[in-house]
Amino acid sequence: MMDKLQTFQTVAHERGFVNLNECEDGTVLWLRRETPGAVTHTHQRICMDSLTSSATVYWTNNLGEVNSKTFRAASMLRDWLAMDQVQ
């Protein structure tokens, strides 16, 4: 399970995310994009959860609404981030 999260983390780092915070028991890792989005001027976040073996991307749209998308495979996260949907 940790290998899967490390793969998620590698994908996130490749797309400009940096580690932000880890919970005390090590089950959740938060990352944020180093540069803010051009439209919202906010830093997108990713929550990696070892209990569900998933990564959820959170971002704010230009109306200030929070959106999210959850991924169960690092390859799907990589493909989605490559489309620059959260920038």
PDB file of N, CA and C in Angstrom:
ATOM      1  N   MET A   1       0.838  -1.194   0.000  1.00  0.00           N
ATOM      2  CA  MET A   1       0.000   0.000   0.000  1.00  0.00           C
ATOM      3  C   MET A   1       0.881   1.255   0.000  1.00  0.00           C
ATOM      4  N   MET A   2       1.964   1.259   0.748  1.00  0.00           N
ATOM      5  CA  MET A   2       2.830   2.432   0.787  1.00  0.00           C
ATOM      6  C   MET A   2       3.481   2.686  -0.561  1.00  0.00           C
ATOM      7  N   ASP A   3       3.784   1.606  -1.316  1.00  0.00           N
ATOM      8  CA  ASP A   3       4.345   1.786  -2.654  1.00  0.00           C
ATOM      9  C   ASP A   3       3.391   2.570  -3.541  1.00  0.00           C
ATOM     10  N   LYS A   4       2.101   2.277  -3.419  1.00  0.00           N
ATOM     11  CA  LYS A   4       1.099   2.978  -4.211  1.00  0.00           C
ATOM     12  C   LYS A   4       1.093   4.471  -3.860  1.00  0.00           C
ATOM     13  N   LEU A   5       1.157   4.791  -2.575  1.00  0.00           N
ATOM     14  CA  LEU A   5       1.170   6.197  -2.164  1.00  0.00           C
ATOM     15  C   LEU A   5       2.455   6.887  -2.604  1.00  0.00           C
ATOM     16  N   GLN A   6       3.571   6.171  -2.577  1.00  0.00           N
ATOM     17  CA  GLN A   6       4.819   6.757  -3.053  1.00  0.00           C
ATOM     18  C   GLN A   6       4.737   7.053  -4.543  1.00  0.00           C
ATOM     19  N   THR A   7       4.040   6.209  -5.281  1.00  0.00           N
ATOM     20  CA  THR A   7       3.847   6.457  -6.709  1.00  0.00           C
ATOM     21  C   THR A   7       2.979   7.697  -6.911  1.00  0.00           C
ATOM     22  N   PHE A   8       1.900   7.831  -6.138  1.00  0.00           N
ATOM     23  CA  PHE A   8       1.080   9.046  -6.174  1.00  0.00           C
ATOM     24  C   PHE A   8       1.929  10.275  -5.871  1.00  0.00           C
ATOM     25  N   GLN A   9       2.764  10.170  -4.842  1.00  0.00           N
ATOM     26  CA  GLN A   9       3.598  11.296  -4.432  1.00  0.00           C
ATOM     27  C   GLN A   9       4.592  11.674  -5.534  1.00  0.00           C
ATOM     28  N   THR A  10       5.175  10.694  -6.185  1.00  0.00           N
ATOM     29  CA  THR A  10       6.103  10.962  -7.293  1.00  0.00           C
ATOM     30  C   THR A  10       5.391  11.698  -8.416  1.00  0.00           C
ATOM     31  N   VAL A  11       4.192  11.261  -8.767  1.00  0.00           N
ATOM     32  CA  VAL A  11       3.409  11.926  -9.811  1.00  0.00           C
ATOM     33  C   VAL A  11       3.142  13.377  -9.419  1.00  0.00           C
ATOM     34  N   ALA A  12       2.735  13.593  -8.174  1.00  0.00           N
ATOM     35  CA  ALA A  12       2.440  14.953  -7.713  1.00  0.00           C
ATOM     36  C   ALA A  12       3.684  15.836  -7.774  1.00  0.00           C
ATOM     37  N   HIS A  13       4.803  15.317  -7.338  1.00  0.00           N
ATOM     38  CA  HIS A  13       6.049  16.096  -7.379  1.00  0.00           C
ATOM     39  C   HIS A  13       6.427  16.454  -8.812  1.00  0.00           C
ATOM     40  N   GLU A  14       6.217  15.525  -9.748  1.00  0.00           N
ATOM     41  CA  GLU A  14       6.503  15.793 -11.165  1.00  0.00           C
ATOM     42  C   GLU A  14       5.670  16.946 -11.707  1.00  0.00           C
ATOM     43  N   ARG A  15       4.488  17.160 -11.134  1.00  0.00           N
ATOM     44  CA  ARG A  15       3.566  18.191 -11.616  1.00  0.00           C
ATOM     45  C   ARG A  15       3.603  19.450 -10.751  1.00  0.00           C
ATOM     46  N   GLY A  16       4.641  19.628  -9.951  1.00  0.00           N
ATOM     47  CA  GLY A  16       4.820  20.877  -9.230  1.00  0.00           C
ATOM     48  C   GLY A  16       4.229  20.943  -7.840  1.00  0.00           C
ATOM     49  N   PHE A  17       3.869  19.801  -7.257  1.00  0.00           N
ATOM     50  CA  PHE A  17       3.346  19.780  -5.896  1.00  0.00           C
ATOM     51  C   PHE A  17       4.479  19.517  -4.913  1.00  0.00           C
ATOM     52  N   VAL A  18       4.381  20.103  -3.735  1.00  0.00           N
ATOM     53  CA  VAL A  18       5.362  19.894  -2.673  1.00  0.00           C
ATOM     54  C   VAL A  18       4.637  19.414  -1.420  1.00  0.00           C
ATOM     55  N   ASN A  19       5.349  18.661  -0.583  1.00  0.00           N
ATOM     56  CA  ASN A  19       4.760  18.176   0.663  1.00  0.00           C
ATOM     57  C   ASN A  19       4.400  19.352   1.549  1.00  0.00           C
ATOM     58  N   LEU A  20       3.239  19.252   2.179  1.00  0.00           N
ATOM     59  CA  LEU A  20       2.744  20.324   3.031  1.00  0.00           C
ATOM     60  C   LEU A  20       2.639  19.872   4.483  1.00  0.00           C
ATOM     61  N   ASN A  21       1.953  18.736   4.700  1.00  0.00           N
ATOM     62  CA  ASN A  21       1.694  18.304   6.064  1.00  0.00           C
ATOM     63  C   ASN A  21       1.384  16.814   6.058  1.00  0.00           C
ATOM     64  N   GLU A  22       1.812  16.127   7.109  1.00  0.00           N
ATOM     65  CA  GLU A  22       1.493  14.710   7.277  1.00  0.00           C
ATOM     66  C   GLU A  22       0.856  14.536   8.633  1.00  0.00           C
ATOM     67  N   CYS A  23      -0.207  13.717   8.715  1.00  0.00           N
ATOM     68  CA  CYS A  23      -0.855  13.509  10.008  1.00  0.00           C
ATOM     69  C   CYS A  23       0.076  12.687  10.904  1.00  0.00           C
ATOM     70  N   GLU A  24      -0.152  12.759  12.187  1.00  0.00           N
ATOM     71  CA  GLU A  24       0.739  12.124  13.161  1.00  0.00           C
ATOM     72  C   GLU A  24       0.878  10.626  12.956  1.00  0.00           C
ATOM     73  N   ASP A  25      -0.206   9.950  12.589  1.00  0.00           N
ATOM     74  CA  ASP A  25      -0.114   8.494  12.429  1.00  0.00           C
ATOM     75  C   ASP A  25       0.357   8.094  11.031  1.00  0.00           C
ATOM     76  N   GLY A  26       0.613   9.068  10.177  1.00  0.00           N
ATOM     77  CA  GLY A  26       1.175   8.787   8.863  1.00  0.00           C
ATOM     78  C   GLY A  26       0.203   8.238   7.839  1.00  0.00           C
ATOM     79  N   THR A  27      -1.105   8.316   8.105  1.00  0.00           N
ATOM     80  CA  THR A  27      -2.070   7.760   7.158  1.00  0.00           C
ATOM     81  C   THR A  27      -2.472   8.746   6.066  1.00  0.00           C
ATOM     82  N   VAL A  28      -2.238  10.042   6.296  1.00  0.00           N
ATOM     83  CA  VAL A  28      -2.626  11.068   5.326  1.00  0.00           C
ATOM     84  C   VAL A  28      -1.454  12.014   5.091  1.00  0.00           C
ATOM     85  N   LEU A  29      -1.223  12.326   3.827  1.00  0.00           N
ATOM     86  CA  LEU A  29      -0.203  13.295   3.445  1.00  0.00           C
ATOM     87  C   LEU A  29      -0.865  14.355   2.577  1.00  0.00           C
ATOM     88  N   TRP A  30      -0.660  15.629   2.929  1.00  0.00           N
ATOM     89  CA  TRP A  30      -1.176  16.746   2.141  1.00  0.00           C
ATOM     90  C   TRP A  30      -0.035  17.360   1.343  1.00  0.00           C
ATOM     91  N   LEU A  31      -0.308  17.691   0.085  1.00  0.00           N
ATOM     92  CA  LEU A  31       0.639  18.386  -0.774  1.00  0.00           C
ATOM     93  C   LEU A  31      -0.058  19.604  -1.355  1.00  0.00           C
ATOM     94  N   ARG A  32       0.720  20.581  -1.790  1.00  0.00           N
ATOM     95  CA  ARG A  32       0.133  21.733  -2.469  1.00  0.00           C
ATOM     96  C   ARG A  32       0.996  22.061  -3.664  1.00  0.00           C
ATOM     97  N   ARG A  33       0.359  22.646  -4.654  1.00  0.00           N
ATOM     98  CA  ARG A  33       1.101  23.064  -5.841  1.00  0.00           C
ATOM     99  C   ARG A  33       1.946  24.273  -5.471  1.00  0.00           C
ATOM    100  N   GLU A  34       3.201  24.269  -5.896  1.00  0.00           N
ATOM    101  CA  GLU A  34       4.134  25.343  -5.535  1.00  0.00           C
ATOM    102  C   GLU A  34       3.680  26.706  -6.027  1.00  0.00           C
ATOM    103  N   THR A  35       3.128  26.761  -7.223  1.00  0.00           N
ATOM    104  CA  THR A  35       2.689  28.045  -7.769  1.00  0.00           C
ATOM    105  C   THR A  35       1.167  28.106  -7.772  1.00  0.00           C
ATOM    106  N   PRO A  36       0.595  29.276  -7.492  1.00  0.00           N
ATOM    107  CA  PRO A  36      -0.870  29.398  -7.486  1.00  0.00           C
ATOM    108  C   PRO A  36      -1.436  29.334  -8.903  1.00  0.00           C
ATOM    109  N   GLY A  37      -2.701  28.962  -8.998  1.00  0.00           N
ATOM    110  CA  GLY A  37      -3.373  28.926 -10.288  1.00  0.00           C
ATOM    111  C   GLY A  37      -3.511  30.321 -10.873  1.00  0.00           C
ATOM    112  N   ALA A  38      -3.461  30.410 -12.185  1.00  0.00           N
ATOM    113  CA  ALA A  38      -3.507  31.709 -12.864  1.00  0.00           C
ATOM    114  C   ALA A  38      -4.846  32.417 -12.680  1.00  0.00           C
ATOM    115  N   VAL A  39      -5.935  31.667 -12.601  1.00  0.00           N
ATOM    116  CA  VAL A  39      -7.259  32.269 -12.504  1.00  0.00           C
ATOM    117  C   VAL A  39      -7.630  32.582 -11.061  1.00  0.00           C
ATOM    118  N   THR A  40      -7.442  31.612 -10.165  1.00  0.00           N
ATOM    119  CA  THR A  40      -7.920  31.773  -8.792  1.00  0.00           C
ATOM    120  C   THR A  40      -6.852  32.300  -7.842  1.00  0.00           C
ATOM    121  N   HIS A  41      -5.612  32.220  -8.237  1.00  0.00           N
ATOM    122  CA  HIS A  41      -4.489  32.630  -7.394  1.00  0.00           C
ATOM    123  C   HIS A  41      -4.441  31.848  -6.087  1.00  0.00           C
ATOM    124  N   THR A  42      -4.925  30.621  -6.124  1.00  0.00           N
ATOM    125  CA  THR A  42      -4.864  29.735  -4.962  1.00  0.00           C
ATOM    126  C   THR A  42      -3.963  28.552  -5.296  1.00  0.00           C
ATOM    127  N   HIS A  43      -3.423  27.932  -4.263  1.00  0.00           N
ATOM    128  CA  HIS A  43      -2.571  26.754  -4.425  1.00  0.00           C
ATOM    129  C   HIS A  43      -3.455  25.513  -4.358  1.00  0.00           C
ATOM    130  N   GLN A  44      -3.425  24.706  -5.401  1.00  0.00           N
ATOM    131  CA  GLN A  44      -4.199  23.471  -5.398  1.00  0.00           C
ATOM    132  C   GLN A  44      -3.588  22.510  -4.383  1.00  0.00           C
ATOM    133  N   ARG A  45      -4.410  21.628  -3.846  1.00  0.00           N
ATOM    134  CA  ARG A  45      -3.990  20.663  -2.831  1.00  0.00           C
ATOM    135  C   ARG A  45      -4.281  19.243  -3.294  1.00  0.00           C
ATOM    136  N   ILE A  46      -3.477  18.317  -2.770  1.00  0.00           N
ATOM    137  CA  ILE A  46      -3.737  16.889  -2.948  1.00  0.00           C
ATOM    138  C   ILE A  46      -3.662  16.247  -1.573  1.00  0.00           C
ATOM    139  N   CYS A  47      -4.645  15.413  -1.284  1.00  0.00           N
ATOM    140  CA  CYS A  47      -4.648  14.617  -0.063  1.00  0.00           C
ATOM    141  C   CYS A  47      -4.430  13.162  -0.457  1.00  0.00           C
ATOM    142  N   MET A  48      -3.362  12.559   0.060  1.00  0.00           N
ATOM    143  CA  MET A  48      -3.075  11.146  -0.191  1.00  0.00           C
ATOM    144  C   MET A  48      -3.412  10.377   1.067  1.00  0.00           C
ATOM    145  N   ASP A  49      -4.267   9.377   0.911  1.00  0.00           N
ATOM    146  CA  ASP A  49      -4.821   8.638   2.045  1.00  0.00           C
ATOM    147  C   ASP A  49      -4.408   7.173   1.949  1.00  0.00           C
ATOM    148  N   SER A  50      -3.609   6.710   2.915  1.00  0.00           N
ATOM    149  CA  SER A  50      -3.156   5.320   2.877  1.00  0.00           C
ATOM    150  C   SER A  50      -4.267   4.341   3.260  1.00  0.00           C
ATOM    151  N   LEU A  51      -5.287   4.788   3.990  1.00  0.00           N
ATOM    152  CA  LEU A  51      -6.390   3.899   4.366  1.00  0.00           C
ATOM    153  C   LEU A  51      -7.266   3.535   3.176  1.00  0.00           C
ATOM    154  N   THR A  52      -7.432   4.476   2.248  1.00  0.00           N
ATOM    155  CA  THR A  52      -8.263   4.215   1.066  1.00  0.00           C
ATOM    156  C   THR A  52      -7.415   3.989  -0.188  1.00  0.00           C
ATOM    157  N   SER A  53      -6.106   4.115  -0.068  1.00  0.00           N
ATOM    158  CA  SER A  53      -5.180   3.992  -1.200  1.00  0.00           C
ATOM    159  C   SER A  53      -5.616   4.890  -2.353  1.00  0.00           C
ATOM    160  N   SER A  54      -5.816   6.167  -2.020  1.00  0.00           N
ATOM    161  CA  SER A  54      -6.299   7.107  -3.026  1.00  0.00           C
ATOM    162  C   SER A  54      -5.629   8.461  -2.862  1.00  0.00           C
ATOM    163  N   ALA A  55      -5.777   9.264  -3.904  1.00  0.00           N
ATOM    164  CA  ALA A  55      -5.312  10.654  -3.877  1.00  0.00           C
ATOM    165  C   ALA A  55      -6.461  11.520  -4.362  1.00  0.00           C
ATOM    166  N   THR A  56      -6.773  12.579  -3.613  1.00  0.00           N
ATOM    167  CA  THR A  56      -7.845  13.497  -3.989  1.00  0.00           C
ATOM    168  C   THR A  56      -7.251  14.872  -4.234  1.00  0.00           C
ATOM    169  N   VAL A  57      -7.542  15.420  -5.409  1.00  0.00           N
ATOM    170  CA  VAL A  57      -7.091  16.760  -5.765  1.00  0.00           C
ATOM    171  C   VAL A  57      -8.211  17.732  -5.431  1.00  0.00           C
ATOM    172  N   TYR A  58      -7.866  18.834  -4.772  1.00  0.00           N
ATOM    173  CA  TYR A  58      -8.819  19.898  -4.449  1.00  0.00           C
ATOM    174  C   TYR A  58      -8.355  21.180  -5.124  1.00  0.00           C
ATOM    175  N   TRP A  59      -9.291  21.910  -5.710  1.00  0.00           N
ATOM    176  CA  TRP A  59      -8.960  23.195  -6.313  1.00  0.00           C
ATOM    177  C   TRP A  59     -10.168  24.114  -6.223  1.00  0.00           C
ATOM    178  N   THR A  60      -9.915  25.408  -6.346  1.00  0.00           N
ATOM    179  CA  THR A  60     -10.967  26.416  -6.295  1.00  0.00           C
ATOM    180  C   THR A  60     -11.169  26.975  -7.697  1.00  0.00           C
ATOM    181  N   ASN A  61     -12.423  27.065  -8.125  1.00  0.00           N
ATOM    182  CA  ASN A  61     -12.687  27.640  -9.448  1.00  0.00           C
ATOM    183  C   ASN A  61     -12.752  29.167  -9.344  1.00  0.00           C
ATOM    184  N   ASN A  62     -12.988  29.816 -10.478  1.00  0.00           N
ATOM    185  CA  ASN A  62     -12.985  31.289 -10.477  1.00  0.00           C
ATOM    186  C   ASN A  62     -14.171  31.891  -9.735  1.00  0.00           C
ATOM    187  N   LEU A  63     -15.147  31.081  -9.321  1.00  0.00           N
ATOM    188  CA  LEU A  63     -16.265  31.556  -8.512  1.00  0.00           C
ATOM    189  C   LEU A  63     -16.006  31.351  -7.021  1.00  0.00           C
ATOM    190  N   GLY A  64     -14.828  30.781  -6.701  1.00  0.00           N
ATOM    191  CA  GLY A  64     -14.487  30.527  -5.315  1.00  0.00           C
ATOM    192  C   GLY A  64     -15.035  29.222  -4.769  1.00  0.00           C
ATOM    193  N   GLU A  65     -15.603  28.383  -5.624  1.00  0.00           N
ATOM    194  CA  GLU A  65     -16.142  27.097  -5.195  1.00  0.00           C
ATOM    195  C   GLU A  65     -15.034  26.048  -5.192  1.00  0.00           C
ATOM    196  N   VAL A  66     -15.060  25.174  -4.178  1.00  0.00           N
ATOM    197  CA  VAL A  66     -14.069  24.112  -4.080  1.00  0.00           C
ATOM    198  C   VAL A  66     -14.563  22.899  -4.861  1.00  0.00           C
ATOM    199  N   ASN A  67     -13.695  22.376  -5.703  1.00  0.00           N
ATOM    200  CA  ASN A  67     -13.971  21.162  -6.466  1.00  0.00           C
ATOM    201  C   ASN A  67     -12.958  20.105  -6.066  1.00  0.00           C
ATOM    202  N   SER A  68     -13.289  18.843  -6.328  1.00  0.00           N
ATOM    203  CA  SER A  68     -12.351  17.767  -6.020  1.00  0.00           C
ATOM    204  C   SER A  68     -12.534  16.610  -6.978  1.00  0.00           C
ATOM    205  N   LYS A  69     -11.486  15.822  -7.090  1.00  0.00           N
ATOM    206  CA  LYS A  69     -11.519  14.614  -7.910  1.00  0.00           C
ATOM    207  C   LYS A  69     -10.615  13.595  -7.242  1.00  0.00           C
ATOM    208  N   THR A  70     -11.113  12.372  -7.049  1.00  0.00           N
ATOM    209  CA  THR A  70     -10.369  11.316  -6.371  1.00  0.00           C
ATOM    210  C   THR A  70      -9.862  10.296  -7.378  1.00  0.00           C
ATOM    211  N   PHE A  71      -8.640   9.827  -7.147  1.00  0.00           N
ATOM    212  CA  PHE A  71      -7.989   8.867  -8.035  1.00  0.00           C
ATOM    213  C   PHE A  71      -7.557   7.646  -7.231  1.00  0.00           C
ATOM    214  N   ARG A  72      -7.747   6.473  -7.807  1.00  0.00           N
ATOM    215  CA  ARG A  72      -7.328   5.219  -7.176  1.00  0.00           C
ATOM    216  C   ARG A  72      -6.077   4.646  -7.845  1.00  0.00           C
ATOM    217  N   ALA A  73      -5.667   5.239  -8.966  1.00  0.00           N
ATOM    218  CA  ALA A  73      -4.468   4.793  -9.676  1.00  0.00           C
ATOM    219  C   ALA A  73      -3.603   6.005 -10.006  1.00  0.00           C
ATOM    220  N   ALA A  74      -2.306   5.891  -9.752  1.00  0.00           N
ATOM    221  CA  ALA A  74      -1.383   6.999 -10.001  1.00  0.00           C
ATOM    222  C   ALA A  74      -1.345   7.359 -11.488  1.00  0.00           C
ATOM    223  N   SER A  75      -1.504   6.377 -12.347  1.00  0.00           N
ATOM    224  CA  SER A  75      -1.486   6.656 -13.791  1.00  0.00           C
ATOM    225  C   SER A  75      -2.654   7.556 -14.191  1.00  0.00           C
ATOM    226  N   MET A  76      -3.797   7.375 -13.567  1.00  0.00           N
ATOM    227  CA  MET A  76      -4.955   8.221 -13.861  1.00  0.00           C
ATOM    228  C   MET A  76      -4.724   9.637 -13.344  1.00  0.00           C
ATOM    229  N   LEU A  77      -4.108   9.752 -12.169  1.00  0.00           N
ATOM    230  CA  LEU A  77      -3.764  11.072 -11.629  1.00  0.00           C
ATOM    231  C   LEU A  77      -2.783  11.770 -12.567  1.00  0.00           C
ATOM    232  N   ARG A  78      -1.764  11.045 -13.023  1.00  0.00           N
ATOM    233  CA  ARG A  78      -0.764  11.613 -13.936  1.00  0.00           C
ATOM    234  C   ARG A  78      -1.432  12.133 -15.216  1.00  0.00           C
ATOM    235  N   ASP A  79      -2.301  11.319 -15.799  1.00  0.00           N
ATOM    236  CA  ASP A  79      -2.979  11.714 -17.044  1.00  0.00           C
ATOM    237  C   ASP A  79      -3.852  12.944 -16.826  1.00  0.00           C
ATOM    238  N   TRP A  80      -4.578  12.982 -15.728  1.00  0.00           N
ATOM    239  CA  TRP A  80      -5.475  14.100 -15.453  1.00  0.00           C
ATOM    240  C   TRP A  80      -4.694  15.383 -15.198  1.00  0.00           C
ATOM    241  N   LEU A  81      -3.627  15.291 -14.411  1.00  0.00           N
ATOM    242  CA  LEU A  81      -2.805  16.483 -14.156  1.00  0.00           C
ATOM    243  C   LEU A  81      -2.112  16.965 -15.421  1.00  0.00           C
ATOM    244  N   ALA A  82      -1.788  16.054 -16.306  1.00  0.00           N
ATOM    245  CA  ALA A  82      -1.139  16.427 -17.560  1.00  0.00           C
ATOM    246  C   ALA A  82      -2.059  17.278 -18.432  1.00  0.00           C
ATOM    247  N   MET A  83      -3.342  17.171 -18.236  1.00  0.00           N
ATOM    248  CA  MET A  83      -4.297  17.981 -19.008  1.00  0.00           C
ATOM    249  C   MET A  83      -4.397  19.398 -18.453  1.00  0.00           C
ATOM    250  N   ASP A  84      -3.686  19.666 -17.344  1.00  0.00           N
ATOM    251  CA  ASP A  84      -3.663  21.003 -16.724  1.00  0.00           C
ATOM    252  C   ASP A  84      -5.036  21.496 -16.341  1.00  0.00           C
ATOM    253  N   GLN A  85      -5.888  20.589 -15.912  1.00  0.00           N
ATOM    254  CA  GLN A  85      -7.236  20.984 -15.520  1.00  0.00           C
ATOM    255  C   GLN A  85      -7.267  21.768 -14.222  1.00  0.00           C
ATOM    256  N   VAL A  86      -6.248  21.646 -13.387  1.00  0.00           N
ATOM    257  CA  VAL A  86      -6.312  22.319 -12.094  1.00  0.00           C
ATOM    258  C   VAL A  86      -5.415  23.556 -12.065  1.00  0.00           C
ATOM    259  N   GLN A  87      -4.864  23.942 -13.156  1.00  0.00           N
ATOM    260  CA  GLN A  87      -4.009  25.147 -13.171  1.00  0.00           C
ATOM    261  C   GLN A  87      -4.809  26.366 -13.480  1.00  0.00           C
TER     262      GLN A  87
END
